[in-house]
Amino acid sequence: MRELVPGGYLFTHMIFWTVVGMVAVGTQAVAVILTIGLGLLVVESLTQQ
């Protein structure tokens, strides 16, 4: 629990990923990333067969 103090590793990551998530939602990057991810999933599933 002491890792949650300001300046700690966990606290830094929590702030960083919150900001990244807010920027991604604001710029609609989430939709682009999900589309790319789904495309890669389809390609991989087709090439495995």
N, C-alpha and C. Protein backbone atom coordinates (compact mmCIF):
# COMPACT_ATOMS: atom_id res chain seq x y z
N MET A 1 0.83 -1.21 0.00
CA MET A 1 0.00 0.00 0.00
C MET A 1 0.86 1.26 0.00
N ARG A 2 2.09 1.18 0.51
CA ARG A 2 2.91 2.38 0.55
C ARG A 2 3.38 2.80 -0.84
N GLU A 3 3.19 1.91 -1.87
CA GLU A 3 3.56 2.28 -3.23
C GLU A 3 2.60 3.32 -3.82
N LEU A 4 1.46 3.53 -3.17
CA LEU A 4 0.46 4.47 -3.67
C LEU A 4 0.75 5.91 -3.28
N VAL A 5 1.80 6.13 -2.50
CA VAL A 5 2.13 7.51 -2.14
C VAL A 5 2.63 8.26 -3.38
N PRO A 6 2.39 9.57 -3.46
CA PRO A 6 2.84 10.34 -4.62
C PRO A 6 4.33 10.12 -4.90
N GLY A 7 4.65 9.86 -6.15
CA GLY A 7 6.02 9.61 -6.52
C GLY A 7 6.34 8.13 -6.57
N GLY A 8 5.44 7.30 -6.04
CA GLY A 8 5.64 5.86 -6.09
C GLY A 8 5.37 5.30 -7.49
N TYR A 9 5.86 4.11 -7.72
CA TYR A 9 5.73 3.48 -9.04
C TYR A 9 4.27 3.30 -9.44
N LEU A 10 3.46 2.75 -8.52
CA LEU A 10 2.06 2.49 -8.83
C LEU A 10 1.30 3.79 -9.06
N PHE A 11 1.56 4.78 -8.22
CA PHE A 11 0.89 6.07 -8.34
C PHE A 11 1.21 6.72 -9.68
N THR A 12 2.49 6.66 -10.07
CA THR A 12 2.92 7.25 -11.35
C THR A 12 2.21 6.58 -12.51
N HIS A 13 2.15 5.25 -12.49
CA HIS A 13 1.47 4.52 -13.56
C HIS A 13 -0.02 4.83 -13.59
N MET A 14 -0.63 4.95 -12.43
CA MET A 14 -2.06 5.25 -12.36
C MET A 14 -2.35 6.60 -13.02
N ILE A 15 -1.54 7.61 -12.70
CA ILE A 15 -1.73 8.93 -13.30
C ILE A 15 -1.45 8.88 -14.80
N PHE A 16 -0.35 8.23 -15.18
CA PHE A 16 0.04 8.17 -16.59
C PHE A 16 -1.04 7.52 -17.44
N TRP A 17 -1.54 6.35 -17.03
CA TRP A 17 -2.53 5.64 -17.84
C TRP A 17 -3.89 6.33 -17.81
N THR A 18 -4.20 7.06 -16.73
CA THR A 18 -5.43 7.84 -16.71
C THR A 18 -5.37 8.95 -17.76
N VAL A 19 -4.25 9.66 -17.82
CA VAL A 19 -4.08 10.72 -18.81
C VAL A 19 -4.10 10.15 -20.22
N VAL A 20 -3.38 9.05 -20.44
CA VAL A 20 -3.36 8.42 -21.77
C VAL A 20 -4.76 7.99 -22.17
N GLY A 21 -5.52 7.42 -21.24
CA GLY A 21 -6.89 7.00 -21.53
C GLY A 21 -7.79 8.17 -21.89
N MET A 22 -7.65 9.28 -21.15
CA MET A 22 -8.47 10.45 -21.44
C MET A 22 -8.13 11.05 -22.79
N VAL A 23 -6.85 11.09 -23.13
CA VAL A 23 -6.44 11.61 -24.44
C VAL A 23 -6.95 10.69 -25.55
N ALA A 24 -6.86 9.38 -25.33
CA ALA A 24 -7.31 8.42 -26.34
C ALA A 24 -8.81 8.56 -26.58
N VAL A 25 -9.59 8.71 -25.53
CA VAL A 25 -11.04 8.87 -25.68
C VAL A 25 -11.33 10.20 -26.36
N GLY A 26 -10.60 11.25 -25.99
CA GLY A 26 -10.83 12.57 -26.57
C GLY A 26 -10.50 12.64 -28.04
N THR A 27 -9.54 11.85 -28.48
CA THR A 27 -9.14 11.89 -29.88
C THR A 27 -9.69 10.71 -30.68
N GLN A 28 -10.53 9.91 -30.02
CA GLN A 28 -11.14 8.73 -30.63
C GLN A 28 -10.09 7.72 -31.09
N ALA A 29 -8.94 7.74 -30.47
CA ALA A 29 -7.91 6.77 -30.79
C ALA A 29 -8.32 5.37 -30.36
N VAL A 30 -9.21 5.29 -29.37
CA VAL A 30 -9.68 3.99 -28.89
C VAL A 30 -10.35 3.24 -30.03
N ALA A 31 -11.18 3.90 -30.79
CA ALA A 31 -11.87 3.26 -31.91
C ALA A 31 -10.88 2.77 -32.96
N VAL A 32 -9.88 3.57 -33.24
CA VAL A 32 -8.85 3.18 -34.22
C VAL A 32 -8.06 1.98 -33.72
N ILE A 33 -7.66 2.01 -32.44
CA ILE A 33 -6.88 0.91 -31.87
C ILE A 33 -7.71 -0.37 -31.87
N LEU A 34 -8.98 -0.30 -31.50
CA LEU A 34 -9.83 -1.48 -31.49
C LEU A 34 -10.02 -2.03 -32.90
N THR A 35 -10.18 -1.17 -33.88
CA THR A 35 -10.34 -1.61 -35.26
C THR A 35 -9.09 -2.32 -35.75
N ILE A 36 -7.93 -1.77 -35.46
CA ILE A 36 -6.66 -2.41 -35.84
C ILE A 36 -6.53 -3.75 -35.14
N GLY A 37 -6.86 -3.80 -33.85
CA GLY A 37 -6.78 -5.04 -33.08
C GLY A 37 -7.70 -6.11 -33.64
N LEU A 38 -8.93 -5.73 -33.98
CA LEU A 38 -9.87 -6.70 -34.56
C LEU A 38 -9.38 -7.18 -35.92
N GLY A 39 -8.82 -6.28 -36.70
CA GLY A 39 -8.28 -6.66 -38.01
C GLY A 39 -7.14 -7.66 -37.88
N LEU A 40 -6.23 -7.40 -36.93
CA LEU A 40 -5.13 -8.33 -36.70
C LEU A 40 -5.64 -9.69 -36.22
N LEU A 41 -6.66 -9.68 -35.38
CA LEU A 41 -7.24 -10.92 -34.87
C LEU A 41 -7.82 -11.75 -36.01
N VAL A 42 -8.53 -11.10 -36.93
CA VAL A 42 -9.11 -11.80 -38.08
C VAL A 42 -8.01 -12.36 -38.97
N VAL A 43 -6.99 -11.57 -39.26
CA VAL A 43 -5.88 -12.03 -40.11
C VAL A 43 -5.18 -13.22 -39.49
N GLU A 44 -4.92 -13.16 -38.17
CA GLU A 44 -4.24 -14.27 -37.50
C GLU A 44 -5.10 -15.52 -37.51
N SER A 45 -6.40 -15.38 -37.29
CA SER A 45 -7.27 -16.55 -37.25
C SER A 45 -7.39 -17.18 -38.65
N LEU A 46 -7.34 -16.36 -39.70
CA LEU A 46 -7.42 -16.90 -41.06
C LEU A 46 -6.11 -17.58 -41.47
N THR A 47 -4.98 -17.05 -41.04
CA THR A 47 -3.71 -17.63 -41.44
C THR A 47 -3.38 -18.90 -40.66
N GLN A 48 -4.01 -19.11 -39.51
CA GLN A 48 -3.76 -20.32 -38.73
C GLN A 48 -4.47 -21.53 -39.31
N GLN A 49 -5.51 -21.33 -40.07
CA GLN A 49 -6.30 -22.45 -40.59
C GLN A 49 -5.72 -23.02 -41.86
